[in-house]
Structure formats: C-alpha cells, structure tokens
Amino acid sequence: MIKAPYSITLNSPHETAEFAARLGADAGPGDILLLEGAIGSGKTHFARSLIQSLMDVPEDVPSPTFTLVQAYDTQVGEIWHCDLYRLSTVDEIEELGLIDAFDHAICLVEWPDKLGPLKPKTALTLSFQTDPDSMDTRHLTVSWCDPKWALRLENAA
C-alpha cells in the first residue's frame, strides 16, 4: 500500500497526462485535488488532462486564471476547475460557491494556499516541481490524510 507522502517523477507532458487520467478514472463527486506549484510547473496541464479523460468527447479546457472557475459536466458528474491565484481573501472563495462544490463536484484547485482555513482535510494534495535539468520533467509529491487516496494512488501508479 502506498504511504503518504508519495513521490513520482513524470518525464514528459504525456506521462503527466496519463497519470492524471489514471487518477481521474476513480474520481467521483466530493473528491478534491489541491494542485500546488510554481507558475509553469504543470498544474493546469494535469487538471486539463484529468478533465478531458472524463469527457465523452474531449473538448478544449482553458485555464481558469481569469474566469476563476470553469465547470464541466462529465460522465462521472460535475467537475470544477478553479484557479485561486488572483484572490486575496477567504470571503472571495466563499462567494465563488467553491465550498458548496466540495460536497457535490470533483474539484481541482490551483493555488490552494488561498483557501486558508477552508482547506478540506479530505483533499489530495499534489505538489508539482519542475526539474532544473529538463523542461519536460516534473517531480510530483502527493500527500493526503483520508485513507481512500492510498488505494486510488495504488491504482494510478
């Protein structure tokens, strides 16, 4: 059984997309994935790949940097892709309706540090880091408290 924290090296954007799709295969309403990392570290690529893997017909999945939230209807339910980078207070997060979405949607949240005390304890945290020697390689550290994630990561590994 995989134990937290779990580390994986993804050697290409293709490997990142495949890992996202495998993790998404077990996703369902109420699942929250918190995506951490610097700008350009692969958060949006991972989110886009997971979302597209759950669509009947894959479509364009733009970054929610300016819209803050993009919602998608998929075969497993609604997915919320959120980018909290531009938010400055917890009140703004509550106004988005994100806290309610945590209960009924799959939520992919970029810049989760902005959640502050609203960060769900049941979330899976994925921390992306670029490799200084390779533009395509990402080092991913995954952590969690909810035991459901260990089995899901075992299936996705």
Protein backbone atom coordinates (compact mmCIF):
# COMPACT_ATOMS: atom_id res chain seq x y z
CA MET A 1 0.00 0.00 0.00
CA ILE A 2 1.29 3.44 -0.93
CA LYS A 3 2.02 5.71 2.03
CA ALA A 4 2.00 9.50 2.22
CA PRO A 5 3.89 11.37 1.06
CA TYR A 6 4.23 9.62 -2.28
CA SER A 7 6.72 10.86 -4.87
CA ILE A 8 6.72 10.24 -8.59
CA THR A 9 8.75 11.58 -11.50
CA LEU A 10 6.82 12.35 -14.66
CA ASN A 11 9.30 12.51 -17.54
CA SER A 12 7.09 14.20 -20.14
CA PRO A 13 3.79 16.04 -20.57
CA HIS A 14 2.45 12.74 -21.94
CA GLU A 15 3.34 10.90 -18.71
CA THR A 16 1.69 13.69 -16.71
CA ALA A 17 -1.49 13.36 -18.81
CA GLU A 18 -1.52 9.58 -18.42
CA PHE A 19 -1.11 9.81 -14.64
CA ALA A 20 -3.92 12.37 -14.47
CA ALA A 21 -6.22 10.11 -16.50
CA ARG A 22 -5.44 7.08 -14.31
CA LEU A 23 -6.14 9.08 -11.15
CA GLY A 24 -9.30 10.51 -12.72
CA ALA A 25 -10.58 7.02 -13.55
CA ASP A 26 -11.51 6.55 -9.88
CA ALA A 27 -12.70 10.13 -9.28
CA GLY A 28 -16.18 10.97 -8.11
CA PRO A 29 -18.29 13.72 -6.56
CA GLY A 30 -16.76 15.06 -3.37
CA ASP A 31 -13.17 14.41 -4.45
CA ILE A 32 -10.91 17.41 -4.00
CA LEU A 33 -7.47 17.68 -5.59
CA LEU A 34 -5.30 20.59 -4.50
CA LEU A 35 -2.66 21.46 -7.10
CA GLU A 36 0.41 23.26 -5.76
CA GLY A 37 3.48 24.51 -7.60
CA ALA A 38 5.08 27.49 -9.26
CA ILE A 39 3.74 29.02 -12.47
CA GLY A 40 4.56 26.65 -15.32
CA SER A 41 5.04 23.60 -13.09
CA GLY A 42 2.27 21.55 -14.73
CA LYS A 43 -0.82 22.18 -12.58
CA THR A 44 -3.09 23.26 -15.43
CA HIS A 45 -1.79 20.55 -17.78
CA PHE A 46 -2.57 17.92 -15.14
CA ALA A 47 -6.05 19.36 -14.50
CA ARG A 48 -6.83 19.65 -18.23
CA SER A 49 -5.75 16.04 -18.80
CA LEU A 50 -7.85 14.70 -15.92
CA ILE A 51 -10.92 16.64 -17.05
CA GLN A 52 -10.59 15.60 -20.70
CA SER A 53 -10.17 11.95 -19.68
CA LEU A 54 -13.64 12.07 -18.10
CA MET A 55 -15.43 13.74 -21.02
CA ASP A 56 -17.44 11.69 -23.50
CA VAL A 57 -16.00 13.87 -26.26
CA PRO A 58 -12.86 15.73 -25.15
CA GLU A 59 -13.13 19.48 -25.68
CA ASP A 60 -10.93 22.48 -25.05
CA VAL A 61 -10.23 23.01 -21.36
CA PRO A 62 -8.90 26.56 -20.90
CA SER A 63 -7.05 27.72 -17.83
CA PRO A 64 -9.42 29.35 -15.32
CA THR A 65 -6.87 32.05 -14.48
CA PHE A 66 -9.20 34.88 -15.48
CA THR A 67 -12.61 33.25 -15.02
CA LEU A 68 -11.53 31.79 -11.63
CA VAL A 69 -13.80 28.75 -12.14
CA GLN A 70 -14.61 26.56 -15.14
CA ALA A 71 -17.27 23.89 -14.61
CA TYR A 72 -17.68 20.79 -16.77
CA ASP A 73 -20.38 18.15 -16.95
CA THR A 74 -18.81 14.72 -17.37
CA GLN A 75 -19.82 11.08 -17.27
CA VAL A 76 -18.99 10.93 -13.54
CA GLY A 77 -20.56 14.24 -12.57
CA GLU A 78 -19.66 17.90 -12.43
CA ILE A 79 -16.01 18.99 -12.29
CA TRP A 80 -14.93 22.38 -11.02
CA HIS A 81 -11.50 23.61 -12.15
CA CYS A 82 -10.52 26.60 -10.04
CA ASP A 83 -7.57 28.97 -10.10
CA LEU A 84 -7.40 30.99 -6.88
CA TYR A 85 -4.21 32.89 -7.75
CA ARG A 86 -5.90 36.30 -8.12
CA LEU A 87 -7.99 36.05 -4.95
CA SER A 88 -6.94 37.89 -1.84
CA THR A 89 -9.45 36.93 0.86
CA VAL A 90 -11.26 33.83 2.04
CA ASP A 91 -14.55 35.73 1.59
CA GLU A 92 -13.95 35.79 -2.18
CA ILE A 93 -13.64 32.00 -2.17
CA GLU A 94 -16.94 31.63 -0.35
CA GLU A 95 -18.60 33.95 -2.91
CA LEU A 96 -17.50 31.61 -5.73
CA GLY A 97 -19.55 28.79 -4.20
CA LEU A 98 -16.46 26.58 -4.05
CA ILE A 99 -17.10 25.39 -0.51
CA ASP A 100 -20.51 24.03 -1.57
CA ALA A 101 -18.95 22.46 -4.68
CA PHE A 102 -16.61 20.46 -2.42
CA ASP A 103 -19.64 18.35 -1.45
CA HIS A 104 -21.14 17.61 -4.88
CA ALA A 105 -18.42 18.02 -7.53
CA ILE A 106 -14.93 16.85 -8.32
CA CYS A 107 -12.84 19.93 -7.52
CA LEU A 108 -9.40 20.66 -8.95
CA VAL A 109 -7.99 23.69 -7.15
CA GLU A 110 -4.88 25.54 -8.30
CA TRP A 111 -3.18 27.79 -5.74
CA PRO A 112 -4.89 26.08 -2.77
CA ASP A 113 -2.88 28.08 -0.23
CA LYS A 114 -5.51 30.81 -0.84
CA LEU A 115 -8.09 28.54 0.85
CA GLY A 116 -6.52 29.19 4.25
CA PRO A 117 -8.71 27.64 6.94
CA LEU A 118 -11.18 26.42 4.29
CA LYS A 119 -8.73 23.79 3.00
CA PRO A 120 -10.58 20.46 3.23
CA LYS A 121 -8.95 17.75 5.36
CA THR A 122 -10.12 15.07 2.91
CA ALA A 123 -8.28 16.57 -0.07
CA LEU A 124 -5.44 15.04 -2.04
CA THR A 125 -2.55 17.50 -2.38
CA LEU A 126 -0.35 17.28 -5.47
CA SER A 127 2.80 19.42 -5.36
CA PHE A 128 4.44 19.93 -8.76
CA GLN A 129 8.08 20.91 -9.20
CA THR A 130 9.95 21.41 -12.45
CA ASP A 131 13.24 19.61 -12.96
CA PRO A 132 16.10 22.10 -13.38
CA ASP A 133 17.75 19.79 -15.93
CA SER A 134 14.73 19.03 -18.12
CA MET A 135 11.93 21.34 -19.28
CA ASP A 136 9.55 18.37 -19.66
CA THR A 137 10.19 16.54 -16.39
CA ARG A 138 8.06 17.15 -13.30
CA HIS A 139 8.60 15.85 -9.80
CA LEU A 140 5.31 15.29 -8.06
CA THR A 141 4.85 14.84 -4.32
CA VAL A 142 1.41 13.65 -3.29
CA SER A 143 0.08 13.84 0.28
CA TRP A 144 -3.22 13.07 2.00
CA CYS A 145 -4.90 12.26 5.31
CA ASP A 146 -8.03 10.49 4.02
CA PRO A 147 -7.22 6.77 3.62
CA LYS A 148 -9.22 6.47 0.37
CA TRP A 149 -6.37 8.14 -1.53
CA ALA A 150 -3.80 5.40 -0.82
CA LEU A 151 -5.81 2.81 -2.76
CA ARG A 152 -6.58 5.24 -5.57
CA LEU A 153 -2.92 6.11 -5.94
CA GLU A 154 -2.07 2.42 -5.91
CA ASN A 155 -4.45 2.01 -8.89
CA ALA A 156 -2.99 5.07 -10.68
CA ALA A 157 0.70 4.24 -10.14
